[in-house]
Amino acid sequence: MNNNQQTNKTSAGTNAAKVKQQNAASASNKFGTEFASETDIQAVKQQNAQAEAKKNQNAGQ
């Protein structure tokens, strides 16, 4: 057995036991994660930028 298996960490340093615990905890919150995975982050950022620009334009009038 190598050292990584003994400490329950991957070669990247991820604690596998902690990840499994977090996955189990998030399994009860499927509703929130379902929509989060479908979110297009770039589209949201673009919409936010457009709204901010429009807000600044209106504030200058």
PDB file of N, CA and C in Angstrom:
ATOM      1  N   MET A   1       0.837  -1.197   0.000  1.00  0.00           N
ATOM      2  CA  MET A   1       0.000   0.000   0.000  1.00  0.00           C
ATOM      3  C   MET A   1       0.871   1.246   0.000  1.00  0.00           C
ATOM      4  N   ASN A   2       0.516   2.214  -0.815  1.00  0.00           N
ATOM      5  CA  ASN A   2       1.323   3.419  -0.800  1.00  0.00           C
ATOM      6  C   ASN A   2       0.784   4.411   0.217  1.00  0.00           C
ATOM      7  N   ASN A   3       1.473   5.494   0.393  1.00  0.00           N
ATOM      8  CA  ASN A   3       1.129   6.480   1.423  1.00  0.00           C
ATOM      9  C   ASN A   3      -0.220   7.143   1.151  1.00  0.00           C
ATOM     10  N   ASN A   4      -0.552   7.372  -0.133  1.00  0.00           N
ATOM     11  CA  ASN A   4      -1.813   8.023  -0.461  1.00  0.00           C
ATOM     12  C   ASN A   4      -3.017   7.197  -0.009  1.00  0.00           C
ATOM     13  N   GLN A   5      -2.940   5.891  -0.172  1.00  0.00           N
ATOM     14  CA  GLN A   5      -4.049   5.039   0.239  1.00  0.00           C
ATOM     15  C   GLN A   5      -4.179   5.004   1.759  1.00  0.00           C
ATOM     16  N   GLN A   6      -3.084   5.067   2.449  1.00  0.00           N
ATOM     17  CA  GLN A   6      -3.119   5.034   3.901  1.00  0.00           C
ATOM     18  C   GLN A   6      -3.770   6.284   4.471  1.00  0.00           C
ATOM     19  N   THR A   7      -3.547   7.430   3.852  1.00  0.00           N
ATOM     20  CA  THR A   7      -4.102   8.680   4.367  1.00  0.00           C
ATOM     21  C   THR A   7      -5.467   8.983   3.769  1.00  0.00           C
ATOM     22  N   ASN A   8      -5.968   8.099   2.866  1.00  0.00           N
ATOM     23  CA  ASN A   8      -7.272   8.260   2.236  1.00  0.00           C
ATOM     24  C   ASN A   8      -7.322   9.524   1.380  1.00  0.00           C
ATOM     25  N   LYS A   9      -6.200   9.861   0.765  1.00  0.00           N
ATOM     26  CA  LYS A   9      -6.142  11.020  -0.124  1.00  0.00           C
ATOM     27  C   LYS A   9      -5.689  10.572  -1.500  1.00  0.00           C
ATOM     28  N   THR A  10      -6.172  11.267  -2.512  1.00  0.00           N
ATOM     29  CA  THR A  10      -5.746  10.959  -3.868  1.00  0.00           C
ATOM     30  C   THR A  10      -4.383  11.577  -4.113  1.00  0.00           C
ATOM     31  N   SER A  11      -3.814  11.300  -5.283  1.00  0.00           N
ATOM     32  CA  SER A  11      -2.503  11.862  -5.602  1.00  0.00           C
ATOM     33  C   SER A  11      -2.569  13.383  -5.720  1.00  0.00           C
ATOM     34  N   ALA A  12      -3.778  13.919  -5.977  1.00  0.00           N
ATOM     35  CA  ALA A  12      -3.944  15.373  -6.061  1.00  0.00           C
ATOM     36  C   ALA A  12      -4.135  15.996  -4.683  1.00  0.00           C
ATOM     37  N   GLY A  13      -4.226  15.165  -3.660  1.00  0.00           N
ATOM     38  CA  GLY A  13      -4.377  15.683  -2.308  1.00  0.00           C
ATOM     39  C   GLY A  13      -5.821  15.793  -1.847  1.00  0.00           C
ATOM     40  N   THR A  14      -6.756  15.241  -2.609  1.00  0.00           N
ATOM     41  CA  THR A  14      -8.168  15.294  -2.241  1.00  0.00           C
ATOM     42  C   THR A  14      -8.458  14.259  -1.168  1.00  0.00           C
ATOM     43  N   ASN A  15      -9.172  14.669  -0.144  1.00  0.00           N
ATOM     44  CA  ASN A  15      -9.560  13.757   0.918  1.00  0.00           C
ATOM     45  C   ASN A  15     -10.826  13.029   0.468  1.00  0.00           C
ATOM     46  N   ALA A  16     -10.678  11.765   0.063  1.00  0.00           N
ATOM     47  CA  ALA A  16     -11.793  11.007  -0.500  1.00  0.00           C
ATOM     48  C   ALA A  16     -12.925  10.837   0.505  1.00  0.00           C
ATOM     49  N   ALA A  17     -12.600  10.620   1.763  1.00  0.00           N
ATOM     50  CA  ALA A  17     -13.643  10.429   2.780  1.00  0.00           C
ATOM     51  C   ALA A  17     -14.476  11.695   2.934  1.00  0.00           C
ATOM     52  N   LYS A  18     -13.830  12.841   2.896  1.00  0.00           N
ATOM     53  CA  LYS A  18     -14.550  14.108   3.044  1.00  0.00           C
ATOM     54  C   LYS A  18     -15.452  14.353   1.838  1.00  0.00           C
ATOM     55  N   VAL A  19     -14.971  14.025   0.644  1.00  0.00           N
ATOM     56  CA  VAL A  19     -15.778  14.203  -0.568  1.00  0.00           C
ATOM     57  C   VAL A  19     -17.013  13.310  -0.502  1.00  0.00           C
ATOM     58  N   LYS A  20     -16.839  12.067  -0.075  1.00  0.00           N
ATOM     59  CA  LYS A  20     -17.980  11.160   0.052  1.00  0.00           C
ATOM     60  C   LYS A  20     -18.988  11.700   1.058  1.00  0.00           C
ATOM     61  N   GLN A  21     -18.501  12.274   2.147  1.00  0.00           N
ATOM     62  CA  GLN A  21     -19.380  12.848   3.163  1.00  0.00           C
ATOM     63  C   GLN A  21     -20.149  14.038   2.585  1.00  0.00           C
ATOM     64  N   GLN A  22     -19.468  14.891   1.844  1.00  0.00           N
ATOM     65  CA  GLN A  22     -20.128  16.054   1.248  1.00  0.00           C
ATOM     66  C   GLN A  22     -21.150  15.623   0.194  1.00  0.00           C
ATOM     67  N   ASN A  23     -20.821  14.593  -0.575  1.00  0.00           N
ATOM     68  CA  ASN A  23     -21.755  14.093  -1.579  1.00  0.00           C
ATOM     69  C   ASN A  23     -23.008  13.536  -0.914  1.00  0.00           C
ATOM     70  N   ALA A  24     -22.838  12.833   0.187  1.00  0.00           N
ATOM     71  CA  ALA A  24     -23.982  12.281   0.903  1.00  0.00           C
ATOM     72  C   ALA A  24     -24.848  13.398   1.469  1.00  0.00           C
ATOM     73  N   ALA A  25     -24.220  14.451   1.967  1.00  0.00           N
ATOM     74  CA  ALA A  25     -24.965  15.575   2.528  1.00  0.00           C
ATOM     75  C   ALA A  25     -25.721  16.317   1.440  1.00  0.00           C
ATOM     76  N   SER A  26     -25.140  16.441   0.256  1.00  0.00           N
ATOM     77  CA  SER A  26     -25.798  17.190  -0.812  1.00  0.00           C
ATOM     78  C   SER A  26     -26.862  16.356  -1.515  1.00  0.00           C
ATOM     79  N   ALA A  27     -26.856  15.040  -1.323  1.00  0.00           N
ATOM     80  CA  ALA A  27     -27.846  14.186  -1.980  1.00  0.00           C
ATOM     81  C   ALA A  27     -29.260  14.528  -1.524  1.00  0.00           C
ATOM     82  N   SER A  28     -29.401  15.035  -0.317  1.00  0.00           N
ATOM     83  CA  SER A  28     -30.724  15.387   0.186  1.00  0.00           C
ATOM     84  C   SER A  28     -31.194  16.717  -0.399  1.00  0.00           C
ATOM     85  N   ASN A  29     -30.321  17.447  -1.059  1.00  0.00           N
ATOM     86  CA  ASN A  29     -30.659  18.759  -1.625  1.00  0.00           C
ATOM     87  C   ASN A  29     -30.647  18.687  -3.154  1.00  0.00           C
ATOM     88  N   LYS A  30     -31.323  17.692  -3.697  1.00  0.00           N
ATOM     89  CA  LYS A  30     -31.300  17.483  -5.148  1.00  0.00           C
ATOM     90  C   LYS A  30     -31.982  18.616  -5.901  1.00  0.00           C
ATOM     91  N   PHE A  31     -32.977  19.233  -5.321  1.00  0.00           N
ATOM     92  CA  PHE A  31     -33.709  20.287  -6.015  1.00  0.00           C
ATOM     93  C   PHE A  31     -32.778  21.438  -6.375  1.00  0.00           C
ATOM     94  N   GLY A  32     -31.990  21.894  -5.424  1.00  0.00           N
ATOM     95  CA  GLY A  32     -31.098  23.023  -5.667  1.00  0.00           C
ATOM     96  C   GLY A  32     -29.986  22.696  -6.640  1.00  0.00           C
ATOM     97  N   THR A  33     -29.413  21.507  -6.537  1.00  0.00           N
ATOM     98  CA  THR A  33     -28.294  21.155  -7.407  1.00  0.00           C
ATOM     99  C   THR A  33     -28.761  20.901  -8.825  1.00  0.00           C
ATOM    100  N   GLU A  34     -30.003  20.464  -9.004  1.00  0.00           N
ATOM    101  CA  GLU A  34     -30.514  20.210 -10.352  1.00  0.00           C
ATOM    102  C   GLU A  34     -30.516  21.499 -11.161  1.00  0.00           C
ATOM    103  N   PHE A  35     -30.999  22.577 -10.568  1.00  0.00           N
ATOM    104  CA  PHE A  35     -31.059  23.833 -11.297  1.00  0.00           C
ATOM    105  C   PHE A  35     -29.683  24.482 -11.409  1.00  0.00           C
ATOM    106  N   ALA A  36     -28.842  24.298 -10.421  1.00  0.00           N
ATOM    107  CA  ALA A  36     -27.504  24.881 -10.473  1.00  0.00           C
ATOM    108  C   ALA A  36     -26.711  24.285 -11.628  1.00  0.00           C
ATOM    109  N   SER A  37     -26.892  23.006 -11.892  1.00  0.00           N
ATOM    110  CA  SER A  37     -26.131  22.372 -12.963  1.00  0.00           C
ATOM    111  C   SER A  37     -26.623  22.806 -14.338  1.00  0.00           C
ATOM    112  N   GLU A  38     -27.852  23.322 -14.424  1.00  0.00           N
ATOM    113  CA  GLU A  38     -28.397  23.749 -15.702  1.00  0.00           C
ATOM    114  C   GLU A  38     -28.157  25.239 -15.974  1.00  0.00           C
ATOM    115  N   THR A  39     -27.540  25.926 -15.041  1.00  0.00           N
ATOM    116  CA  THR A  39     -27.326  27.360 -15.183  1.00  0.00           C
ATOM    117  C   THR A  39     -26.179  27.639 -16.150  1.00  0.00           C
ATOM    118  N   ASP A  40     -26.425  28.517 -17.117  1.00  0.00           N
ATOM    119  CA  ASP A  40     -25.391  28.950 -18.051  1.00  0.00           C
ATOM    120  C   ASP A  40     -24.711  30.176 -17.443  1.00  0.00           C
ATOM    121  N   ILE A  41     -23.575  29.969 -16.820  1.00  0.00           N
ATOM    122  CA  ILE A  41     -22.904  31.030 -16.069  1.00  0.00           C
ATOM    123  C   ILE A  41     -22.534  32.198 -16.968  1.00  0.00           C
ATOM    124  N   GLN A  42     -22.052  31.906 -18.170  1.00  0.00           N
ATOM    125  CA  GLN A  42     -21.660  32.991 -19.076  1.00  0.00           C
ATOM    126  C   GLN A  42     -22.859  33.857 -19.445  1.00  0.00           C
ATOM    127  N   ALA A  43     -24.017  33.229 -19.673  1.00  0.00           N
ATOM    128  CA  ALA A  43     -25.215  33.996 -20.027  1.00  0.00           C
ATOM    129  C   ALA A  43     -25.647  34.879 -18.864  1.00  0.00           C
ATOM    130  N   VAL A  44     -25.552  34.359 -17.658  1.00  0.00           N
ATOM    131  CA  VAL A  44     -25.927  35.144 -16.476  1.00  0.00           C
ATOM    132  C   VAL A  44     -24.989  36.334 -16.314  1.00  0.00           C
ATOM    133  N   LYS A  45     -23.695  36.103 -16.495  1.00  0.00           N
ATOM    134  CA  LYS A  45     -22.731  37.196 -16.381  1.00  0.00           C
ATOM    135  C   LYS A  45     -22.995  38.274 -17.431  1.00  0.00           C
ATOM    136  N   GLN A  46     -23.340  37.842 -18.644  1.00  0.00           N
ATOM    137  CA  GLN A  46     -23.616  38.797 -19.711  1.00  0.00           C
ATOM    138  C   GLN A  46     -24.869  39.608 -19.388  1.00  0.00           C
ATOM    139  N   GLN A  47     -25.903  38.942 -18.885  1.00  0.00           N
ATOM    140  CA  GLN A  47     -27.132  39.643 -18.523  1.00  0.00           C
ATOM    141  C   GLN A  47     -26.878  40.627 -17.386  1.00  0.00           C
ATOM    142  N   ASN A  48     -26.069  40.214 -16.428  1.00  0.00           N
ATOM    143  CA  ASN A  48     -25.738  41.106 -15.315  1.00  0.00           C
ATOM    144  C   ASN A  48     -24.976  42.336 -15.800  1.00  0.00           C
ATOM    145  N   ALA A  49     -24.056  42.140 -16.722  1.00  0.00           N
ATOM    146  CA  ALA A  49     -23.276  43.254 -17.254  1.00  0.00           C
ATOM    147  C   ALA A  49     -24.175  44.218 -18.023  1.00  0.00           C
ATOM    148  N   GLN A  50     -25.105  43.667 -18.799  1.00  0.00           N
ATOM    149  CA  GLN A  50     -26.027  44.521 -19.550  1.00  0.00           C
ATOM    150  C   GLN A  50     -26.922  45.305 -18.603  1.00  0.00           C
ATOM    151  N   ALA A  51     -27.408  44.654 -17.558  1.00  0.00           N
ATOM    152  CA  ALA A  51     -28.272  45.336 -16.590  1.00  0.00           C
ATOM    153  C   ALA A  51     -27.508  46.437 -15.861  1.00  0.00           C
ATOM    154  N   GLU A  52     -26.262  46.157 -15.520  1.00  0.00           N
ATOM    155  CA  GLU A  52     -25.431  47.151 -14.825  1.00  0.00           C
ATOM    156  C   GLU A  52     -25.169  48.349 -15.735  1.00  0.00           C
ATOM    157  N   ALA A  53     -24.883  48.097 -17.004  1.00  0.00           N
ATOM    158  CA  ALA A  53     -24.626  49.177 -17.954  1.00  0.00           C
ATOM    159  C   ALA A  53     -25.879  50.029 -18.135  1.00  0.00           C
ATOM    160  N   LYS A  54     -27.010  49.375 -18.224  1.00  0.00           N
ATOM    161  CA  LYS A  54     -28.271  50.106 -18.402  1.00  0.00           C
ATOM    162  C   LYS A  54     -28.580  50.940 -17.150  1.00  0.00           C
ATOM    163  N   LYS A  55     -28.307  50.358 -15.993  1.00  0.00           N
ATOM    164  CA  LYS A  55     -28.543  51.069 -14.730  1.00  0.00           C
ATOM    165  C   LYS A  55     -27.653  52.312 -14.647  1.00  0.00           C
ATOM    166  N   ASN A  56     -26.381  52.155 -15.021  1.00  0.00           N
ATOM    167  CA  ASN A  56     -25.447  53.289 -15.000  1.00  0.00           C
ATOM    168  C   ASN A  56     -25.854  54.351 -16.012  1.00  0.00           C
ATOM    169  N   GLN A  57     -26.361  53.931 -17.159  1.00  0.00           N
ATOM    170  CA  GLN A  57     -26.789  54.876 -18.188  1.00  0.00           C
ATOM    171  C   GLN A  57     -27.995  55.679 -17.672  1.00  0.00           C
ATOM    172  N   ASN A  58     -28.929  55.001 -17.030  1.00  0.00           N
ATOM    173  CA  ASN A  58     -30.112  55.690 -16.504  1.00  0.00           C
ATOM    174  C   ASN A  58     -29.764  56.601 -15.336  1.00  0.00           C
ATOM    175  N   ALA A  59     -28.756  56.226 -14.571  1.00  0.00           N
ATOM    176  CA  ALA A  59     -28.363  57.045 -13.421  1.00  0.00           C
ATOM    177  C   ALA A  59     -27.708  58.343 -13.888  1.00  0.00           C
ATOM    178  N   GLY A  60     -27.129  58.344 -15.058  1.00  0.00           N
ATOM    179  CA  GLY A  60     -26.450  59.528 -15.576  1.00  0.00           C
ATOM    180  C   GLY A  60     -27.392  60.550 -16.170  1.00  0.00           C
ATOM    181  N   GLN A  61     -28.630  60.193 -16.334  1.00  0.00           N
ATOM    182  CA  GLN A  61     -29.587  61.130 -16.968  1.00  0.00           C
ATOM    183  C   GLN A  61     -30.209  62.048 -15.967  1.00  0.00           C
TER     184      GLN A  61
END
